[in-house]
């Protein structure tokens, strides 16, 4: 099989002769072997593992993304960020921890942004209400 892991800025991994790929989506981890049925899935923050023709295992931490199998022999992963490494423990403890922390920070920022938008909408609705007197209110 051929495995490609790409980000918006670069091709991180491009390898022919891959015997097996292991990845993780919302339902759990799964494996891909040659002649796998074509499909597409959304990946979780996880470490993708693959085995080369010579038996060597390789690892790449991915910050979510989309995995597709095309033609039964081409696996393509498109992700926001990918960090290859030889040591699974280091990837698991450092890179994945950072990815999860970044995700939590993004969620917090999104919640705060949503609160601000809702507050602005409430203020506009209040000022647009029939019978509202211009010049009287929070900003006068």
N, C-alpha and C. Protein backbone atom coordinates (compact mmCIF):
# COMPACT_ATOMS: atom_id res chain seq x y z
N UNK A 1 0.84 -1.18 0.00
CA UNK A 1 0.00 0.00 0.00
C UNK A 1 0.89 1.24 0.00
N UNK A 2 0.26 2.37 -0.29
CA UNK A 2 0.95 3.65 -0.22
C UNK A 2 0.26 4.45 0.88
N UNK A 3 1.06 5.07 1.77
CA UNK A 3 0.55 5.90 2.85
C UNK A 3 1.04 7.32 2.65
N UNK A 4 0.11 8.28 2.71
CA UNK A 4 0.46 9.70 2.65
C UNK A 4 -0.21 10.39 3.83
N UNK A 5 0.57 11.16 4.58
CA UNK A 5 0.04 11.99 5.66
C UNK A 5 0.40 13.42 5.31
N UNK A 6 -0.62 14.26 5.13
CA UNK A 6 -0.42 15.63 4.67
C UNK A 6 -1.08 16.63 5.61
N UNK A 7 -0.45 17.81 5.70
CA UNK A 7 -1.02 18.94 6.43
C UNK A 7 -1.26 20.04 5.39
N UNK A 8 -1.90 21.13 5.79
CA UNK A 8 -2.08 22.22 4.82
C UNK A 8 -0.76 22.77 4.27
N UNK A 9 0.34 22.58 5.01
CA UNK A 9 1.61 23.17 4.59
C UNK A 9 2.60 22.20 3.97
N UNK A 10 2.43 20.88 4.20
CA UNK A 10 3.45 19.98 3.69
C UNK A 10 2.98 18.53 3.62
N UNK A 11 3.76 17.75 2.89
CA UNK A 11 3.59 16.29 2.89
C UNK A 11 4.53 15.78 3.97
N UNK A 12 3.97 15.26 5.05
CA UNK A 12 4.77 14.85 6.20
C UNK A 12 5.32 13.43 5.99
N UNK A 13 4.48 12.54 5.49
CA UNK A 13 4.86 11.15 5.24
C UNK A 13 4.36 10.76 3.86
N UNK A 14 5.22 10.11 3.09
CA UNK A 14 4.82 9.53 1.82
C UNK A 14 5.65 8.26 1.66
N UNK A 15 5.01 7.12 1.83
CA UNK A 15 5.75 5.87 1.84
C UNK A 15 5.00 4.79 1.05
N UNK A 16 5.72 4.13 0.16
CA UNK A 16 5.20 2.97 -0.57
C UNK A 16 5.63 1.71 0.17
N UNK A 17 4.97 0.60 -0.12
CA UNK A 17 5.35 -0.67 0.47
C UNK A 17 4.88 -0.85 1.90
N UNK A 18 3.81 -0.18 2.27
CA UNK A 18 3.27 -0.31 3.62
C UNK A 18 2.43 -1.58 3.70
N UNK A 19 2.68 -2.38 4.72
CA UNK A 19 1.96 -3.65 4.90
C UNK A 19 0.66 -3.49 5.67
N UNK A 20 0.63 -2.56 6.63
CA UNK A 20 -0.56 -2.37 7.47
C UNK A 20 -0.52 -0.98 8.07
N UNK A 21 -1.72 -0.42 8.31
CA UNK A 21 -1.87 0.88 8.95
C UNK A 21 -2.86 0.72 10.09
N UNK A 22 -2.57 1.38 11.21
CA UNK A 22 -3.48 1.39 12.35
C UNK A 22 -3.74 2.84 12.70
N UNK A 23 -5.04 3.18 12.86
CA UNK A 23 -5.45 4.55 13.18
C UNK A 23 -6.61 4.49 14.17
N UNK A 24 -7.10 5.67 14.57
CA UNK A 24 -8.17 5.73 15.56
C UNK A 24 -9.18 6.80 15.17
N UNK A 25 -10.46 6.42 15.17
CA UNK A 25 -11.53 7.39 14.96
C UNK A 25 -12.42 7.40 16.21
N UNK A 26 -13.58 8.01 16.13
CA UNK A 26 -14.46 8.14 17.30
C UNK A 26 -14.95 6.79 17.83
N UNK A 27 -14.96 5.77 16.99
CA UNK A 27 -15.44 4.45 17.41
C UNK A 27 -14.33 3.59 18.00
N UNK A 28 -13.09 4.01 17.88
CA UNK A 28 -11.96 3.24 18.41
C UNK A 28 -10.89 3.04 17.35
N UNK A 29 -9.94 2.17 17.66
CA UNK A 29 -8.86 1.95 16.70
C UNK A 29 -9.26 0.89 15.68
N UNK A 30 -8.63 0.98 14.50
CA UNK A 30 -8.93 0.05 13.42
C UNK A 30 -7.68 -0.15 12.59
N UNK A 31 -7.65 -1.23 11.85
CA UNK A 31 -6.52 -1.54 11.00
C UNK A 31 -6.91 -1.56 9.54
N UNK A 32 -5.92 -1.30 8.70
CA UNK A 32 -6.11 -1.31 7.25
C UNK A 32 -5.03 -2.19 6.65
N UNK A 33 -5.46 -3.17 5.87
CA UNK A 33 -4.55 -4.06 5.15
C UNK A 33 -4.74 -3.85 3.66
N UNK A 34 -3.82 -4.34 2.83
CA UNK A 34 -4.00 -4.21 1.38
C UNK A 34 -5.35 -4.78 0.93
N UNK A 35 -5.92 -4.17 -0.10
CA UNK A 35 -7.21 -4.51 -0.67
C UNK A 35 -8.38 -4.20 0.26
N UNK A 36 -8.16 -3.25 1.18
CA UNK A 36 -9.22 -2.81 2.09
C UNK A 36 -10.30 -2.11 1.27
N UNK A 37 -11.53 -2.20 1.71
CA UNK A 37 -12.63 -1.50 1.04
C UNK A 37 -12.41 0.01 1.14
N UNK A 38 -12.80 0.72 0.10
CA UNK A 38 -12.69 2.17 0.11
C UNK A 38 -13.60 2.75 1.19
N UNK A 39 -13.11 3.72 1.93
CA UNK A 39 -13.93 4.40 2.91
C UNK A 39 -13.26 5.69 3.37
N UNK A 40 -14.03 6.49 4.10
CA UNK A 40 -13.54 7.75 4.66
C UNK A 40 -14.00 7.82 6.11
N UNK A 41 -13.12 8.29 7.00
CA UNK A 41 -13.50 8.47 8.39
C UNK A 41 -12.79 9.68 8.97
N UNK A 42 -13.34 10.21 10.03
CA UNK A 42 -12.76 11.35 10.73
C UNK A 42 -11.90 10.82 11.88
N UNK A 43 -10.64 11.23 11.92
CA UNK A 43 -9.72 10.71 12.93
C UNK A 43 -9.79 11.50 14.23
N UNK A 44 -9.51 10.80 15.31
CA UNK A 44 -9.36 11.42 16.62
C UNK A 44 -7.91 11.89 16.77
N UNK A 45 -7.64 12.66 17.79
CA UNK A 45 -6.25 12.97 18.13
C UNK A 45 -5.63 11.65 18.56
N UNK A 46 -4.61 11.20 17.84
CA UNK A 46 -4.05 9.88 18.12
C UNK A 46 -2.71 9.70 17.41
N UNK A 47 -2.15 8.52 17.60
CA UNK A 47 -0.92 8.15 16.89
C UNK A 47 -1.27 7.12 15.83
N UNK A 48 -0.94 7.44 14.59
CA UNK A 48 -1.10 6.49 13.47
C UNK A 48 0.16 5.62 13.44
N UNK A 49 -0.05 4.33 13.30
CA UNK A 49 1.07 3.38 13.26
C UNK A 49 1.02 2.63 11.94
N UNK A 50 2.18 2.39 11.33
CA UNK A 50 2.21 1.58 10.13
C UNK A 50 3.45 0.72 10.12
N UNK A 51 3.36 -0.36 9.36
CA UNK A 51 4.47 -1.29 9.25
C UNK A 51 4.97 -1.30 7.81
N UNK A 52 6.27 -1.09 7.67
CA UNK A 52 6.91 -1.11 6.35
C UNK A 52 7.12 -2.54 5.88
N UNK A 53 7.45 -2.65 4.61
CA UNK A 53 7.71 -3.95 4.00
C UNK A 53 8.81 -4.72 4.75
N UNK A 54 9.80 -4.00 5.30
CA UNK A 54 10.90 -4.66 6.00
C UNK A 54 10.56 -5.00 7.46
N UNK A 55 9.31 -4.72 7.88
CA UNK A 55 8.87 -5.06 9.23
C UNK A 55 9.02 -3.96 10.25
N UNK A 56 9.62 -2.82 9.87
CA UNK A 56 9.81 -1.71 10.79
C UNK A 56 8.48 -1.01 11.07
N UNK A 57 8.25 -0.68 12.34
CA UNK A 57 7.06 0.08 12.72
C UNK A 57 7.41 1.57 12.76
N UNK A 58 6.46 2.38 12.28
CA UNK A 58 6.64 3.83 12.26
C UNK A 58 5.42 4.46 12.93
N UNK A 59 5.62 5.69 13.45
CA UNK A 59 4.56 6.37 14.19
C UNK A 59 4.47 7.82 13.75
N UNK A 60 3.23 8.34 13.82
CA UNK A 60 3.01 9.76 13.53
C UNK A 60 1.80 10.22 14.34
N UNK A 61 2.02 11.20 15.22
CA UNK A 61 0.90 11.78 15.97
C UNK A 61 0.14 12.71 15.04
N UNK A 62 -1.19 12.59 15.03
CA UNK A 62 -2.02 13.44 14.19
C UNK A 62 -3.02 14.20 15.06
N UNK A 63 -3.22 15.44 14.69
CA UNK A 63 -4.17 16.30 15.41
C UNK A 63 -5.50 16.27 14.67
N UNK A 64 -6.21 15.18 14.86
CA UNK A 64 -7.47 14.91 14.17
C UNK A 64 -7.23 14.93 12.66
N UNK A 65 -8.28 14.81 11.89
CA UNK A 65 -8.12 14.82 10.45
C UNK A 65 -9.08 13.86 9.77
N UNK A 66 -8.82 13.60 8.50
CA UNK A 66 -9.64 12.71 7.69
C UNK A 66 -8.75 11.65 7.08
N UNK A 67 -9.16 10.40 7.20
CA UNK A 67 -8.44 9.29 6.59
C UNK A 67 -9.32 8.72 5.50
N UNK A 68 -8.72 8.48 4.33
CA UNK A 68 -9.46 7.83 3.25
C UNK A 68 -8.64 6.69 2.68
N UNK A 69 -9.34 5.64 2.29
CA UNK A 69 -8.73 4.52 1.58
C UNK A 69 -9.30 4.56 0.18
N UNK A 70 -8.42 4.58 -0.83
CA UNK A 70 -8.83 4.69 -2.22
C UNK A 70 -8.23 3.53 -3.00
N UNK A 71 -9.06 2.82 -3.72
CA UNK A 71 -8.58 1.73 -4.56
C UNK A 71 -8.02 0.54 -3.79
N UNK A 72 -8.26 0.50 -2.50
CA UNK A 72 -7.81 -0.63 -1.70
C UNK A 72 -6.33 -0.64 -1.38
N UNK A 73 -5.58 0.30 -1.95
CA UNK A 73 -4.13 0.27 -1.71
C UNK A 73 -3.51 1.63 -1.47
N UNK A 74 -4.33 2.68 -1.36
CA UNK A 74 -3.80 4.00 -1.08
C UNK A 74 -4.51 4.58 0.13
N UNK A 75 -3.74 4.90 1.18
CA UNK A 75 -4.27 5.48 2.41
C UNK A 75 -3.77 6.91 2.48
N UNK A 76 -4.71 7.86 2.56
CA UNK A 76 -4.35 9.27 2.63
C UNK A 76 -4.95 9.85 3.92
N UNK A 77 -4.10 10.52 4.70
CA UNK A 77 -4.55 11.20 5.91
C UNK A 77 -4.28 12.67 5.74
N UNK A 78 -5.33 13.47 5.84
CA UNK A 78 -5.22 14.93 5.81
C UNK A 78 -5.51 15.42 7.22
N UNK A 79 -4.57 16.16 7.81
CA UNK A 79 -4.69 16.58 9.19
C UNK A 79 -4.18 18.00 9.38
N UNK A 80 -4.58 18.64 10.47
CA UNK A 80 -4.10 20.00 10.76
C UNK A 80 -2.62 19.99 11.12
N UNK A 81 -2.21 18.96 11.85
CA UNK A 81 -0.82 18.89 12.29
C UNK A 81 -0.42 17.43 12.42
N UNK A 82 0.80 17.10 12.02
CA UNK A 82 1.32 15.74 12.12
C UNK A 82 2.77 15.81 12.59
N UNK A 83 3.09 14.95 13.56
CA UNK A 83 4.44 14.92 14.10
C UNK A 83 4.94 13.48 14.06
N UNK A 84 5.83 13.16 13.12
CA UNK A 84 6.37 11.79 13.07
C UNK A 84 7.41 11.59 14.18
N UNK A 85 7.59 10.34 14.57
CA UNK A 85 8.58 10.04 15.59
C UNK A 85 8.85 8.55 15.66
N UNK A 86 9.99 8.21 16.22
CA UNK A 86 10.37 6.80 16.36
C UNK A 86 9.97 6.22 17.70
N UNK A 87 9.69 7.08 18.68
CA UNK A 87 9.40 6.62 20.03
C UNK A 87 7.93 6.85 20.36
N UNK A 88 7.17 5.78 20.45
CA UNK A 88 5.74 5.86 20.71
C UNK A 88 5.46 6.52 22.06
N UNK A 89 6.26 6.24 23.06
CA UNK A 89 6.03 6.79 24.40
C UNK A 89 6.19 8.31 24.40
N UNK A 90 7.22 8.80 23.72
CA UNK A 90 7.43 10.25 23.65
C UNK A 90 6.28 10.92 22.91
N UNK A 91 5.87 10.34 21.78
CA UNK A 91 4.74 10.91 21.03
C UNK A 91 3.49 10.93 21.89
N UNK A 92 3.25 9.84 22.59
CA UNK A 92 2.04 9.72 23.40
C UNK A 92 2.04 10.72 24.55
N UNK A 93 3.16 10.86 25.24
CA UNK A 93 3.20 11.70 26.44
C UNK A 93 3.40 13.18 26.15
N UNK A 94 4.10 13.52 25.11
CA UNK A 94 4.38 14.94 24.86
C UNK A 94 3.50 15.53 23.76
N UNK A 95 3.54 14.94 22.60
CA UNK A 95 2.82 15.52 21.46
C UNK A 95 1.31 15.41 21.65
N UNK A 96 0.82 14.22 21.99
CA UNK A 96 -0.63 14.07 22.18
C UNK A 96 -1.13 14.92 23.34
N UNK A 97 -0.34 15.03 24.40
CA UNK A 97 -0.73 15.89 25.52
C UNK A 97 -0.87 17.34 25.06
N UNK A 98 0.06 17.80 24.21
CA UNK A 98 -0.02 19.16 23.67
C UNK A 98 -1.23 19.33 22.77
N UNK A 99 -1.49 18.33 21.91
CA UNK A 99 -2.66 18.39 21.03
C UNK A 99 -3.95 18.50 21.84
N UNK A 100 -4.06 17.70 22.90
CA UNK A 100 -5.26 17.73 23.74
C UNK A 100 -5.39 19.06 24.47
N UNK A 101 -4.28 19.60 24.97
CA UNK A 101 -4.30 20.90 25.64
C UNK A 101 -4.72 22.00 24.66
N UNK A 102 -4.20 21.96 23.44
CA UNK A 102 -4.58 22.94 22.42
C UNK A 102 -6.07 22.84 22.11
N UNK A 103 -6.58 21.61 22.03
CA UNK A 103 -8.00 21.41 21.74
C UNK A 103 -8.85 21.99 22.85
N UNK A 104 -8.46 21.76 24.10
CA UNK A 104 -9.21 22.30 25.24
C UNK A 104 -9.17 23.83 25.23
N UNK A 105 -8.05 24.41 24.90
CA UNK A 105 -7.93 25.86 24.81
C UNK A 105 -8.85 26.40 23.70
N UNK A 106 -8.88 25.73 22.55
CA UNK A 106 -9.77 26.14 21.46
C UNK A 106 -11.23 26.07 21.89
N UNK A 107 -11.59 25.03 22.62
CA UNK A 107 -12.99 24.91 23.10
C UNK A 107 -13.34 26.05 24.04
N UNK A 108 -12.44 26.38 24.95
CA UNK A 108 -12.67 27.48 25.88
C UNK A 108 -12.84 28.80 25.12
N UNK A 109 -11.98 29.05 24.14
CA UNK A 109 -12.09 30.26 23.33
C UNK A 109 -13.40 30.29 22.56
N UNK A 110 -13.83 29.16 22.03
CA UNK A 110 -15.09 29.11 21.28
C UNK A 110 -16.28 29.39 22.19
N UNK A 111 -16.26 28.87 23.41
CA UNK A 111 -17.35 29.12 24.36
C UNK A 111 -17.41 30.61 24.68
N UNK A 112 -16.28 31.22 24.96
CA UNK A 112 -16.25 32.64 25.29
C UNK A 112 -16.71 33.49 24.10
N UNK A 113 -16.28 33.15 22.90
CA UNK A 113 -16.69 33.87 21.70
C UNK A 113 -18.21 33.76 21.50
N UNK A 114 -18.75 32.60 21.73
CA UNK A 114 -20.20 32.39 21.60
C UNK A 114 -20.95 33.21 22.63
N UNK A 115 -20.45 33.26 23.85
CA UNK A 115 -21.09 34.08 24.89
C UNK A 115 -21.12 35.55 24.48
N UNK A 116 -20.00 36.06 23.96
CA UNK A 116 -19.95 37.46 23.54
C UNK A 116 -20.93 37.74 22.41
N UNK A 117 -21.01 36.83 21.44
CA UNK A 117 -21.95 37.02 20.32
C UNK A 117 -23.39 37.02 20.81
N UNK A 118 -23.73 36.09 21.72
CA UNK A 118 -25.09 36.02 22.25
C UNK A 118 -25.44 37.29 23.03
N UNK A 119 -24.50 37.80 23.81
CA UNK A 119 -24.73 39.03 24.55
C UNK A 119 -24.98 40.19 23.60
N UNK A 120 -24.21 40.28 22.52
CA UNK A 120 -24.40 41.34 21.53
C UNK A 120 -25.78 41.22 20.87
N UNK A 121 -26.20 40.01 20.55
CA UNK A 121 -27.52 39.80 19.94
C UNK A 121 -28.62 40.21 20.91
N UNK A 122 -28.47 39.84 22.18
CA UNK A 122 -29.47 40.24 23.18
C UNK A 122 -29.58 41.75 23.27
N UNK A 123 -28.43 42.44 23.26
CA UNK A 123 -28.45 43.91 23.33
C UNK A 123 -29.13 44.51 22.10
N UNK A 124 -28.84 43.97 20.92
CA UNK A 124 -29.49 44.46 19.69
C UNK A 124 -30.99 44.23 19.74
N UNK A 125 -31.39 43.04 20.20
CA UNK A 125 -32.82 42.72 20.29
C UNK A 125 -33.51 43.67 21.26
N UNK A 126 -32.86 43.98 22.36
CA UNK A 126 -33.43 44.89 23.35
C UNK A 126 -33.64 46.28 22.73
N UNK A 127 -32.66 46.76 21.98
CA UNK A 127 -32.76 48.10 21.39
C UNK A 127 -33.68 48.15 20.18
N UNK A 128 -33.95 47.03 19.56
CA UNK A 128 -34.84 46.99 18.41
C UNK A 128 -36.29 46.70 18.79
N UNK A 129 -36.53 46.39 20.06
CA UNK A 129 -37.87 46.07 20.54
C UNK A 129 -38.81 47.27 20.35
N UNK A 130 -40.03 47.01 19.89
CA UNK A 130 -40.99 48.12 19.75
C UNK A 130 -41.19 48.81 21.11
N UNK A 131 -41.28 50.13 21.07
CA UNK A 131 -41.50 50.89 22.29
C UNK A 131 -40.23 51.26 23.02
N UNK A 132 -39.09 50.78 22.52
CA UNK A 132 -37.81 51.14 23.14
C UNK A 132 -37.52 52.61 22.84
N UNK A 133 -37.18 53.35 23.86
CA UNK A 133 -36.89 54.77 23.68
C UNK A 133 -35.43 54.95 23.31
N UNK A 134 -35.21 55.62 22.23
CA UNK A 134 -33.83 55.90 21.78
C UNK A 134 -33.15 56.80 22.79
N UNK A 135 -31.91 56.56 23.03
CA UNK A 135 -31.12 57.39 23.93
C UNK A 135 -31.25 56.97 25.38
N UNK A 136 -32.07 55.98 25.67
CA UNK A 136 -32.20 55.50 27.05
C UNK A 136 -31.72 54.06 27.05
N UNK A 137 -30.81 53.76 27.89
CA UNK A 137 -30.34 52.38 27.94
C UNK A 137 -28.90 52.32 28.38
N UNK A 138 -28.32 51.20 28.08
CA UNK A 138 -27.01 50.86 28.56
C UNK A 138 -25.92 51.80 28.04
N UNK A 139 -26.04 52.29 26.81
CA UNK A 139 -24.97 53.05 26.19
C UNK A 139 -25.24 54.55 26.15
N UNK A 140 -26.33 55.02 26.79
CA UNK A 140 -26.63 56.45 26.72
C UNK A 140 -26.03 57.19 27.87
